[in-house]
Protein backbone atom coordinates (compact mmCIF):
# COMPACT_ATOMS: atom_id res chain seq x y z
CA UNK A 1 0.00 0.00 0.00
CA UNK A 2 1.06 3.57 -0.50
CA UNK A 3 1.88 6.05 2.21
CA UNK A 4 -1.42 7.77 1.37
CA UNK A 5 -3.57 4.74 2.15
CA UNK A 6 -5.74 5.38 5.21
CA UNK A 7 -9.41 5.91 5.93
CA UNK A 8 -9.06 9.70 6.25
CA UNK A 9 -8.00 9.94 2.59
CA UNK A 10 -10.87 7.79 1.30
CA UNK A 11 -13.86 9.41 -0.37
CA UNK A 12 -16.19 7.36 1.86
CA UNK A 13 -14.69 8.74 5.09
CA UNK A 14 -17.27 10.77 7.01
CA UNK A 15 -17.41 12.68 10.29
CA UNK A 16 -20.67 13.02 12.17
CA UNK A 17 -21.79 14.13 15.61
CA UNK A 18 -23.39 11.65 17.99
CA UNK A 19 -24.36 12.64 21.51
CA UNK A 20 -22.21 15.77 21.25
CA UNK A 21 -19.08 13.86 20.14
CA UNK A 22 -17.47 13.60 16.74
CA UNK A 23 -17.50 10.09 15.33
CA UNK A 24 -15.65 9.00 12.20
CA UNK A 25 -17.20 6.37 9.98
CA UNK A 26 -17.16 4.76 6.57
CA UNK A 27 -20.23 6.12 4.79
CA UNK A 28 -20.14 3.21 2.33
CA UNK A 29 -19.95 0.39 4.88
CA UNK A 30 -21.61 2.17 7.80
CA UNK A 31 -18.92 1.15 10.30
CA UNK A 32 -17.18 3.43 12.79
CA UNK A 33 -13.55 3.82 11.83
CA UNK A 34 -10.41 5.74 12.73
CA UNK A 35 -8.49 8.11 10.42
CA UNK A 36 -5.38 5.88 10.40
CA UNK A 37 -7.14 2.56 9.76
CA UNK A 38 -6.58 0.83 6.42
CA UNK A 39 -8.97 -1.42 4.50
CA UNK A 40 -8.87 -3.03 1.05
CA UNK A 41 -11.97 -1.13 -0.08
CA UNK A 42 -10.03 2.16 0.01
CA UNK A 43 -11.01 4.59 -2.76
CA UNK A 44 -8.84 7.75 -2.56
CA UNK A 45 -10.24 11.26 -2.84
CA UNK A 46 -9.38 13.15 -6.05
CA UNK A 47 -6.74 15.38 -4.45
CA UNK A 48 -5.05 12.31 -2.93
CA UNK A 49 -5.10 10.54 -6.30
CA UNK A 50 -3.31 13.56 -7.82
CA UNK A 51 -0.70 13.50 -5.05
CA UNK A 52 -0.14 9.80 -5.64
CA UNK A 53 0.37 10.38 -9.38
CA UNK A 54 2.79 13.22 -8.65
CA UNK A 55 4.66 11.00 -6.17
CA UNK A 56 5.12 8.29 -8.85
CA UNK A 57 7.00 10.71 -11.14
PDB file of N, CA and C in Angstrom:
ATOM      1  N   UNK A   1       0.833  -1.187   0.000  1.00  0.00           N
ATOM      2  CA  UNK A   1       0.000   0.000   0.000  1.00  0.00           C
ATOM      3  C   UNK A   1       0.878   1.251   0.000  1.00  0.00           C
ATOM      4  N   UNK A   2       0.294   2.325  -0.447  1.00  0.00           N
ATOM      5  CA  UNK A   2       1.056   3.568  -0.500  1.00  0.00           C
ATOM      6  C   UNK A   2       1.025   4.269   0.852  1.00  0.00           C
ATOM      7  N   UNK A   3       1.849   5.274   0.956  1.00  0.00           N
ATOM      8  CA  UNK A   3       1.882   6.049   2.211  1.00  0.00           C
ATOM      9  C   UNK A   3       0.616   6.876   2.381  1.00  0.00           C
ATOM     10  N   UNK A   4      -0.179   7.005   1.326  1.00  0.00           N
ATOM     11  CA  UNK A   4      -1.415   7.773   1.367  1.00  0.00           C
ATOM     12  C   UNK A   4      -2.607   6.942   1.834  1.00  0.00           C
ATOM     13  N   UNK A   5      -2.455   5.633   1.870  1.00  0.00           N
ATOM     14  CA  UNK A   5      -3.573   4.741   2.152  1.00  0.00           C
ATOM     15  C   UNK A   5      -3.987   4.793   3.622  1.00  0.00           C
ATOM     16  N   UNK A   6      -5.127   5.387   3.886  1.00  0.00           N
ATOM     17  CA  UNK A   6      -5.740   5.378   5.212  1.00  0.00           C
ATOM     18  C   UNK A   6      -7.177   5.860   5.059  1.00  0.00           C
ATOM     19  N   UNK A   7      -7.996   5.568   6.018  1.00  0.00           N
ATOM     20  CA  UNK A   7      -9.414   5.912   5.927  1.00  0.00           C
ATOM     21  C   UNK A   7      -9.639   7.415   5.718  1.00  0.00           C
ATOM     22  N   UNK A   8      -8.846   8.253   6.348  1.00  0.00           N
ATOM     23  CA  UNK A   8      -9.057   9.700   6.254  1.00  0.00           C
ATOM     24  C   UNK A   8      -8.882  10.225   4.838  1.00  0.00           C
ATOM     25  N   UNK A   9      -8.194   9.494   3.964  1.00  0.00           N
ATOM     26  CA  UNK A   9      -7.996   9.939   2.588  1.00  0.00           C
ATOM     27  C   UNK A   9      -8.973   9.279   1.620  1.00  0.00           C
ATOM     28  N   UNK A  10      -9.893   8.482   2.129  1.00  0.00           N
ATOM     29  CA  UNK A  10     -10.873   7.791   1.297  1.00  0.00           C
ATOM     30  C   UNK A  10     -12.105   8.669   1.083  1.00  0.00           C
ATOM     31  N   UNK A  11     -12.686   8.581  -0.093  1.00  0.00           N
ATOM     32  CA  UNK A  11     -13.862   9.405  -0.372  1.00  0.00           C
ATOM     33  C   UNK A  11     -15.093   8.974   0.422  1.00  0.00           C
ATOM     34  N   UNK A  12     -15.067   7.833   1.057  1.00  0.00           N
ATOM     35  CA  UNK A  12     -16.194   7.356   1.859  1.00  0.00           C
ATOM     36  C   UNK A  12     -16.060   7.711   3.342  1.00  0.00           C
ATOM     37  N   UNK A  13     -14.944   8.338   3.704  1.00  0.00           N
ATOM     38  CA  UNK A  13     -14.694   8.738   5.087  1.00  0.00           C
ATOM     39  C   UNK A  13     -15.631   9.884   5.454  1.00  0.00           C
ATOM     40  N   UNK A  14     -16.315   9.750   6.582  1.00  0.00           N
ATOM     41  CA  UNK A  14     -17.271  10.775   7.011  1.00  0.00           C
ATOM     42  C   UNK A  14     -17.125  11.047   8.500  1.00  0.00           C
ATOM     43  N   UNK A  15     -17.429  12.276   8.883  1.00  0.00           N
ATOM     44  CA  UNK A  15     -17.415  12.682  10.287  1.00  0.00           C
ATOM     45  C   UNK A  15     -18.821  13.135  10.632  1.00  0.00           C
ATOM     46  N   UNK A  16     -19.336  12.609  11.729  1.00  0.00           N
ATOM     47  CA  UNK A  16     -20.673  13.023  12.168  1.00  0.00           C
ATOM     48  C   UNK A  16     -20.670  13.215  13.676  1.00  0.00           C
ATOM     49  N   UNK A  17     -21.662  13.911  14.168  1.00  0.00           N
ATOM     50  CA  UNK A  17     -21.787  14.135  15.610  1.00  0.00           C
ATOM     51  C   UNK A  17     -22.839  13.206  16.171  1.00  0.00           C
ATOM     52  N   UNK A  18     -22.462  12.517  17.257  1.00  0.00           N
ATOM     53  CA  UNK A  18     -23.390  11.654  17.994  1.00  0.00           C
ATOM     54  C   UNK A  18     -23.260  11.979  19.469  1.00  0.00           C
ATOM     55  N   UNK A  19     -24.352  12.316  20.071  1.00  0.00           N
ATOM     56  CA  UNK A  19     -24.358  12.639  21.507  1.00  0.00           C
ATOM     57  C   UNK A  19     -23.319  13.695  21.859  1.00  0.00           C
ATOM     58  N   UNK A  20     -23.146  14.681  20.985  1.00  0.00           N
ATOM     59  CA  UNK A  20     -22.214  15.769  21.246  1.00  0.00           C
ATOM     60  C   UNK A  20     -20.758  15.438  20.962  1.00  0.00           C
ATOM     61  N   UNK A  21     -20.465  14.252  20.442  1.00  0.00           N
ATOM     62  CA  UNK A  21     -19.079  13.860  20.140  1.00  0.00           C
ATOM     63  C   UNK A  21     -18.936  13.621  18.648  1.00  0.00           C
ATOM     64  N   UNK A  22     -17.740  13.896  18.134  1.00  0.00           N
ATOM     65  CA  UNK A  22     -17.465  13.603  16.739  1.00  0.00           C
ATOM     66  C   UNK A  22     -17.112  12.136  16.584  1.00  0.00           C
ATOM     67  N   UNK A  23     -17.743  11.499  15.611  1.00  0.00           N
ATOM     68  CA  UNK A  23     -17.501  10.090  15.329  1.00  0.00           C
ATOM     69  C   UNK A  23     -17.116   9.975  13.859  1.00  0.00           C
ATOM     70  N   UNK A  24     -16.058   9.219  13.587  1.00  0.00           N
ATOM     71  CA  UNK A  24     -15.651   9.003  12.203  1.00  0.00           C
ATOM     72  C   UNK A  24     -16.172   7.652  11.750  1.00  0.00           C
ATOM     73  N   UNK A  25     -16.615   7.606  10.480  1.00  0.00           N
ATOM     74  CA  UNK A  25     -17.196   6.366   9.977  1.00  0.00           C
ATOM     75  C   UNK A  25     -16.973   6.233   8.482  1.00  0.00           C
ATOM     76  N   UNK A  26     -17.174   5.022   7.997  1.00  0.00           N
ATOM     77  CA  UNK A  26     -17.163   4.756   6.572  1.00  0.00           C
ATOM     78  C   UNK A  26     -18.606   4.892   6.098  1.00  0.00           C
ATOM     79  N   UNK A  27     -18.862   5.886   5.263  1.00  0.00           N
ATOM     80  CA  UNK A  27     -20.227   6.121   4.789  1.00  0.00           C
ATOM     81  C   UNK A  27     -20.698   4.978   3.888  1.00  0.00           C
ATOM     82  N   UNK A  28     -19.780   4.309   3.221  1.00  0.00           N
ATOM     83  CA  UNK A  28     -20.139   3.215   2.330  1.00  0.00           C
ATOM     84  C   UNK A  28     -20.515   1.976   3.112  1.00  0.00           C
ATOM     85  N   UNK A  29     -19.715   1.613   4.107  1.00  0.00           N
ATOM     86  CA  UNK A  29     -19.953   0.393   4.876  1.00  0.00           C
ATOM     87  C   UNK A  29     -20.804   0.618   6.120  1.00  0.00           C
ATOM     88  N   UNK A  30     -20.820   1.862   6.626  1.00  0.00           N
ATOM     89  CA  UNK A  30     -21.610   2.173   7.802  1.00  0.00           C
ATOM     90  C   UNK A  30     -20.927   1.870   9.123  1.00  0.00           C
ATOM     91  N   UNK A  31     -19.658   1.482   9.090  1.00  0.00           N
ATOM     92  CA  UNK A  31     -18.918   1.152  10.304  1.00  0.00           C
ATOM     93  C   UNK A  31     -18.185   2.365  10.851  1.00  0.00           C
ATOM     94  N   UNK A  32     -18.063   2.442  12.183  1.00  0.00           N
ATOM     95  CA  UNK A  32     -17.182   3.432  12.788  1.00  0.00           C
ATOM     96  C   UNK A  32     -15.756   3.056  12.426  1.00  0.00           C
ATOM     97  N   UNK A  33     -14.929   4.062  12.224  1.00  0.00           N
ATOM     98  CA  UNK A  33     -13.552   3.820  11.835  1.00  0.00           C
ATOM     99  C   UNK A  33     -12.651   4.827  12.522  1.00  0.00           C
ATOM    100  N   UNK A  34     -11.402   4.834  12.177  1.00  0.00           N
ATOM    101  CA  UNK A  34     -10.407   5.735  12.727  1.00  0.00           C
ATOM    102  C   UNK A  34      -9.619   6.280  11.542  1.00  0.00           C
ATOM    103  N   UNK A  35      -9.180   7.540  11.572  1.00  0.00           N
ATOM    104  CA  UNK A  35      -8.490   8.114  10.420  1.00  0.00           C
ATOM    105  C   UNK A  35      -7.283   7.308   9.918  1.00  0.00           C
ATOM    106  N   UNK A  36      -6.589   6.606  10.802  1.00  0.00           N
ATOM    107  CA  UNK A  36      -5.378   5.881  10.399  1.00  0.00           C
ATOM    108  C   UNK A  36      -5.630   4.427  10.006  1.00  0.00           C
ATOM    109  N   UNK A  37      -6.846   3.941  10.154  1.00  0.00           N
ATOM    110  CA  UNK A  37      -7.137   2.557   9.764  1.00  0.00           C
ATOM    111  C   UNK A  37      -6.961   2.386   8.260  1.00  0.00           C
ATOM    112  N   UNK A  38      -6.734   1.149   7.837  1.00  0.00           N
ATOM    113  CA  UNK A  38      -6.578   0.833   6.420  1.00  0.00           C
ATOM    114  C   UNK A  38      -7.418  -0.395   6.075  1.00  0.00           C
ATOM    115  N   UNK A  39      -8.166  -0.298   4.979  1.00  0.00           N
ATOM    116  CA  UNK A  39      -8.966  -1.415   4.502  1.00  0.00           C
ATOM    117  C   UNK A  39      -8.754  -1.585   3.008  1.00  0.00           C
ATOM    118  N   UNK A  40      -9.060  -2.751   2.477  1.00  0.00           N
ATOM    119  CA  UNK A  40      -8.865  -3.028   1.054  1.00  0.00           C
ATOM    120  C   UNK A  40      -9.867  -2.305   0.162  1.00  0.00           C
ATOM    121  N   UNK A  41     -10.949  -1.813   0.723  1.00  0.00           N
ATOM    122  CA  UNK A  41     -11.975  -1.132  -0.079  1.00  0.00           C
ATOM    123  C   UNK A  41     -11.644   0.344  -0.288  1.00  0.00           C
ATOM    124  N   UNK A  42     -10.465   0.758   0.070  1.00  0.00           N
ATOM    125  CA  UNK A  42     -10.033   2.157   0.005  1.00  0.00           C
ATOM    126  C   UNK A  42     -10.183   2.725  -1.392  1.00  0.00           C
ATOM    127  N   UNK A  43     -10.820   3.885  -1.494  1.00  0.00           N
ATOM    128  CA  UNK A  43     -11.013   4.591  -2.756  1.00  0.00           C
ATOM    129  C   UNK A  43     -10.594   6.042  -2.508  1.00  0.00           C
ATOM    130  N   UNK A  44      -9.373   6.433  -2.927  1.00  0.00           N
ATOM    131  CA  UNK A  44      -8.844   7.751  -2.558  1.00  0.00           C
ATOM    132  C   UNK A  44      -9.631   8.927  -3.136  1.00  0.00           C
ATOM    133  N   UNK A  45      -9.630  10.015  -2.379  1.00  0.00           N
ATOM    134  CA  UNK A  45     -10.242  11.256  -2.844  1.00  0.00           C
ATOM    135  C   UNK A  45      -9.427  11.777  -4.028  1.00  0.00           C
ATOM    136  N   UNK A  46     -10.036  12.638  -4.836  1.00  0.00           N
ATOM    137  CA  UNK A  46      -9.380  13.146  -6.045  1.00  0.00           C
ATOM    138  C   UNK A  46      -8.045  13.828  -5.757  1.00  0.00           C
ATOM    139  N   UNK A  47      -7.998  14.677  -4.726  1.00  0.00           N
ATOM    140  CA  UNK A  47      -6.736  15.375  -4.454  1.00  0.00           C
ATOM    141  C   UNK A  47      -5.649  14.405  -3.993  1.00  0.00           C
ATOM    142  N   UNK A  48      -6.019  13.324  -3.349  1.00  0.00           N
ATOM    143  CA  UNK A  48      -5.053  12.308  -2.927  1.00  0.00           C
ATOM    144  C   UNK A  48      -4.559  11.529  -4.145  1.00  0.00           C
ATOM    145  N   UNK A  49      -5.461  11.238  -5.046  1.00  0.00           N
ATOM    146  CA  UNK A  49      -5.104  10.545  -6.296  1.00  0.00           C
ATOM    147  C   UNK A  49      -4.058  11.353  -7.074  1.00  0.00           C
ATOM    148  N   UNK A  50      -4.264  12.674  -7.127  1.00  0.00           N
ATOM    149  CA  UNK A  50      -3.315  13.555  -7.822  1.00  0.00           C
ATOM    150  C   UNK A  50      -1.953  13.545  -7.125  1.00  0.00           C
ATOM    151  N   UNK A  51      -1.954  13.567  -5.794  1.00  0.00           N
ATOM    152  CA  UNK A  51      -0.700  13.502  -5.051  1.00  0.00           C
ATOM    153  C   UNK A  51       0.021  12.181  -5.297  1.00  0.00           C
ATOM    154  N   UNK A  52      -0.735  11.105  -5.390  1.00  0.00           N
ATOM    155  CA  UNK A  52      -0.141   9.800  -5.645  1.00  0.00           C
ATOM    156  C   UNK A  52       0.495   9.744  -7.036  1.00  0.00           C
ATOM    157  N   UNK A  53      -0.176  10.337  -8.022  1.00  0.00           N
ATOM    158  CA  UNK A  53       0.368  10.379  -9.382  1.00  0.00           C
ATOM    159  C   UNK A  53       1.637  11.218  -9.418  1.00  0.00           C
ATOM    160  N   UNK A  54       1.624  12.352  -8.712  1.00  0.00           N
ATOM    161  CA  UNK A  54       2.795  13.224  -8.646  1.00  0.00           C
ATOM    162  C   UNK A  54       3.953  12.510  -7.962  1.00  0.00           C
ATOM    163  N   UNK A  55       3.632  11.739  -6.943  1.00  0.00           N
ATOM    164  CA  UNK A  55       4.657  11.000  -6.174  1.00  0.00           C
ATOM    165  C   UNK A  55       5.326   9.914  -7.027  1.00  0.00           C
ATOM    166  N   UNK A  56       4.579   9.350  -7.977  1.00  0.00           N
ATOM    167  CA  UNK A  56       5.122   8.293  -8.846  1.00  0.00           C
ATOM    168  C   UNK A  56       6.191   8.828  -9.797  1.00  0.00           C
ATOM    169  N   UNK A  57       6.070  10.116 -10.175  1.00  0.00           N
ATOM    170  CA  UNK A  57       7.000  10.707 -11.141  1.00  0.00           C
ATOM    171  C   UNK A  57       8.335  10.912 -10.583  1.00  0.00           C
TER     172      UNK A  57
END
